[in-house]
Amino acid sequence: MELDQAYQENVNDLYRYLFSLSKDHFIAEDLVHDAFYRAYLHLEDYEISNIRAWLFKVAYHAFIDFKRKNKRLVIQEQLEERNSSKETPEKRLLEKESFQLLLNDIHTLREQERHVLLLCDLHQLKYHEAADILDMKLNTLKSLLHRARKKVMDKVKERMIADE
């Protein structure tokens, strides 16, 4: 598969992944471009069996490098806009609030738990692909994913009980 085709097939997923990490549209766009630039430079250096997983790994490392360089950067949280004419403004507002609460819960997780949850659940990567991207053993990933899901569910349950 050529990089052009890989770009077309994966650019939106990589953007969503990087946006979920950075919480900033402009930073996510820059990181996507950086990831594909890095992929272009190093495509011939590796024998790649799964280009999608490799691109996510490149994107993850681009984010880590960005984070290291910008430790003091304050990132504002933004919600994805949903364009649906069938939804009422009240329903969209409730969905945004629910989504924001869920994002807040996810961002209280430890960094590794958050990455595992986003890759496996949001981006639906296979466990072995996510483990490869994050440079961890498969069993470690499964343990972190279980723990992350439990923590998020516990927070949701606590909020539901408090709202009653």
Protein backbone atom coordinates (compact mmCIF):
# COMPACT_ATOMS: atom_id res chain seq x y z
CA MET A 1 0.00 0.00 0.00
CA GLU A 2 1.34 3.39 -0.92
CA LEU A 3 1.50 6.24 1.55
CA ASP A 4 -1.05 8.22 -0.51
CA GLN A 5 -3.62 5.46 -0.11
CA ALA A 6 -2.73 5.00 3.57
CA TYR A 7 -3.20 8.75 4.05
CA GLN A 8 -6.67 8.70 2.47
CA GLU A 9 -7.74 5.70 4.56
CA ASN A 10 -6.32 6.81 7.92
CA VAL A 11 -6.07 10.60 8.09
CA ASN A 12 -9.46 11.07 9.77
CA ASP A 13 -8.86 8.34 12.37
CA LEU A 14 -5.40 9.70 13.17
CA TYR A 15 -6.84 13.20 13.50
CA ARG A 16 -9.54 11.99 15.92
CA TYR A 17 -6.95 10.05 17.93
CA LEU A 18 -4.61 13.03 18.16
CA PHE A 19 -7.49 15.38 18.94
CA SER A 20 -8.58 13.10 21.78
CA LEU A 21 -5.05 13.32 23.18
CA SER A 22 -4.37 17.03 22.62
CA LYS A 23 -7.93 18.36 22.97
CA ASP A 24 -7.08 21.03 20.40
CA HIS A 25 -8.08 20.98 16.72
CA PHE A 26 -5.08 22.96 15.48
CA ILE A 27 -2.56 20.91 17.42
CA ALA A 28 -4.19 17.69 16.21
CA GLU A 29 -3.98 18.88 12.59
CA ASP A 30 -0.31 19.81 13.01
CA LEU A 31 0.45 16.46 14.62
CA VAL A 32 -1.30 14.57 11.80
CA HIS A 33 0.85 16.41 9.26
CA ASP A 34 3.94 15.77 11.37
CA ALA A 35 3.09 12.06 11.65
CA PHE A 36 2.65 11.65 7.90
CA TYR A 37 5.83 13.61 7.25
CA ARG A 38 7.71 11.28 9.60
CA ALA A 39 6.06 8.28 7.94
CA TYR A 40 7.15 9.54 4.53
CA LEU A 41 10.74 9.99 5.72
CA HIS A 42 10.96 6.53 7.29
CA LEU A 43 8.68 4.42 5.12
CA GLU A 44 11.60 2.71 3.40
CA ASP A 45 13.44 2.10 6.70
CA TYR A 46 10.96 -0.49 7.97
CA GLU A 47 9.25 -3.62 6.76
CA ILE A 48 5.67 -2.74 7.62
CA SER A 49 3.06 -5.48 7.79
CA ASN A 50 0.24 -3.31 9.17
CA ILE A 51 0.54 0.27 7.95
CA ARG A 52 -2.49 1.45 9.98
CA ALA A 53 -0.97 0.32 13.28
CA TRP A 54 2.41 1.73 12.24
CA LEU A 55 0.83 5.12 11.44
CA PHE A 56 -0.88 5.19 14.84
CA LYS A 57 2.49 4.42 16.44
CA VAL A 58 4.13 7.25 14.49
CA ALA A 59 1.27 9.59 15.51
CA TYR A 60 1.59 8.53 19.16
CA HIS A 61 5.32 9.31 19.11
CA ALA A 62 4.66 12.66 17.41
CA PHE A 63 2.26 13.51 20.26
CA ILE A 64 4.77 12.42 22.92
CA ASP A 65 7.47 14.56 21.29
CA PHE A 66 5.08 17.52 21.12
CA LYS A 67 4.12 17.04 24.76
CA ARG A 68 7.76 16.94 25.84
CA LYS A 69 8.48 20.16 23.96
CA ASN A 70 5.39 21.93 25.27
CA LYS A 71 5.04 20.86 28.90
CA ARG A 72 3.83 24.30 29.96
CA LEU A 73 1.24 24.62 27.19
CA VAL A 74 -2.28 24.96 28.53
CA ILE A 75 -4.71 23.14 26.27
CA GLN A 76 -8.38 24.12 26.26
CA GLU A 77 -10.93 21.34 26.00
CA GLN A 78 -13.29 21.49 23.04
CA LEU A 79 -16.18 19.30 22.01
CA GLU A 80 -16.77 17.80 18.60
CA GLU A 81 -19.68 19.47 16.89
CA ARG A 82 -22.47 17.18 15.79
CA ASN A 83 -24.22 18.20 12.62
CA SER A 84 -27.63 16.65 12.70
CA SER A 85 -30.76 18.47 11.66
CA LYS A 86 -32.98 15.88 13.39
CA GLU A 87 -31.72 16.71 16.85
CA THR A 88 -33.20 19.51 18.87
CA PRO A 89 -30.85 22.08 20.38
CA GLU A 90 -31.76 20.78 23.85
CA LYS A 91 -30.88 17.21 22.90
CA ARG A 92 -27.58 18.31 21.34
CA LEU A 93 -26.77 20.27 24.49
CA LEU A 94 -27.46 17.25 26.70
CA GLU A 95 -25.33 15.04 24.45
CA LYS A 96 -22.50 17.58 24.52
CA GLU A 97 -22.69 17.78 28.30
CA SER A 98 -22.69 13.98 28.60
CA PHE A 99 -19.81 13.71 26.16
CA GLN A 100 -17.90 16.40 28.04
CA LEU A 101 -18.41 14.58 31.34
CA LEU A 102 -17.19 11.34 29.78
CA LEU A 103 -14.14 13.11 28.32
CA ASN A 104 -13.42 14.62 31.73
CA ASP A 105 -13.63 11.15 33.26
CA ILE A 106 -11.28 9.74 30.63
CA HIS A 107 -8.79 12.57 31.13
CA THR A 108 -8.60 11.85 34.88
CA LEU A 109 -7.09 8.46 34.07
CA ARG A 110 -3.37 7.89 34.20
CA GLU A 111 -1.73 8.62 30.85
CA GLN A 112 -1.16 4.97 29.89
CA GLU A 113 -4.71 3.99 30.83
CA ARG A 114 -6.06 6.90 28.77
CA HIS A 115 -4.01 5.94 25.69
CA VAL A 116 -5.07 2.30 25.94
CA LEU A 117 -8.74 3.22 26.32
CA LEU A 118 -8.69 5.66 23.40
CA LEU A 119 -6.88 3.29 21.03
CA CYS A 120 -8.91 0.18 21.86
CA ASP A 121 -12.37 1.61 22.46
CA LEU A 122 -12.56 4.86 20.52
CA HIS A 123 -10.40 3.89 17.54
CA GLN A 124 -11.22 0.18 17.76
CA LEU A 125 -7.69 -1.05 17.17
CA LYS A 126 -6.97 -4.67 17.93
CA TYR A 127 -5.28 -5.27 21.25
CA HIS A 128 -2.02 -6.42 19.69
CA GLU A 129 -1.95 -3.32 17.47
CA ALA A 130 -2.46 -0.99 20.44
CA ALA A 131 0.17 -2.90 22.44
CA ASP A 132 2.62 -2.48 19.57
CA ILE A 133 1.88 1.24 19.26
CA LEU A 134 2.41 1.79 22.98
CA ASP A 135 5.42 -0.56 23.19
CA MET A 136 3.91 -2.78 25.87
CA LYS A 137 3.10 -6.43 26.37
CA LEU A 138 -0.35 -7.63 25.37
CA ASN A 139 -1.26 -8.72 28.91
CA THR A 140 -0.18 -5.35 30.28
CA LEU A 141 -2.43 -3.63 27.76
CA LYS A 142 -5.38 -5.86 28.67
CA SER A 143 -4.87 -5.16 32.36
CA LEU A 144 -4.63 -1.40 31.80
CA LEU A 145 -7.71 -1.44 29.57
CA HIS A 146 -9.74 -3.36 32.15
CA ARG A 147 -8.65 -0.96 34.89
CA ALA A 148 -9.38 2.12 32.74
CA ARG A 149 -12.85 0.90 31.79
CA LYS A 150 -13.65 0.11 35.42
CA LYS A 151 -12.49 3.54 36.61
CA VAL A 152 -14.57 5.35 33.99
CA MET A 153 -17.65 3.23 34.72
CA ASP A 154 -17.25 3.83 38.46
CA LYS A 155 -17.14 7.59 37.86
CA VAL A 156 -20.24 7.43 35.65
CA LYS A 157 -22.08 5.38 38.31
CA GLU A 158 -21.06 7.83 41.04
CA ARG A 159 -22.38 10.73 38.98
CA MET A 160 -25.66 8.92 38.29
CA ILE A 161 -26.16 8.21 42.00
CA ALA A 162 -25.34 11.83 42.89
CA ASP A 163 -27.85 13.09 40.29
CA GLU A 164 -30.72 11.06 41.75
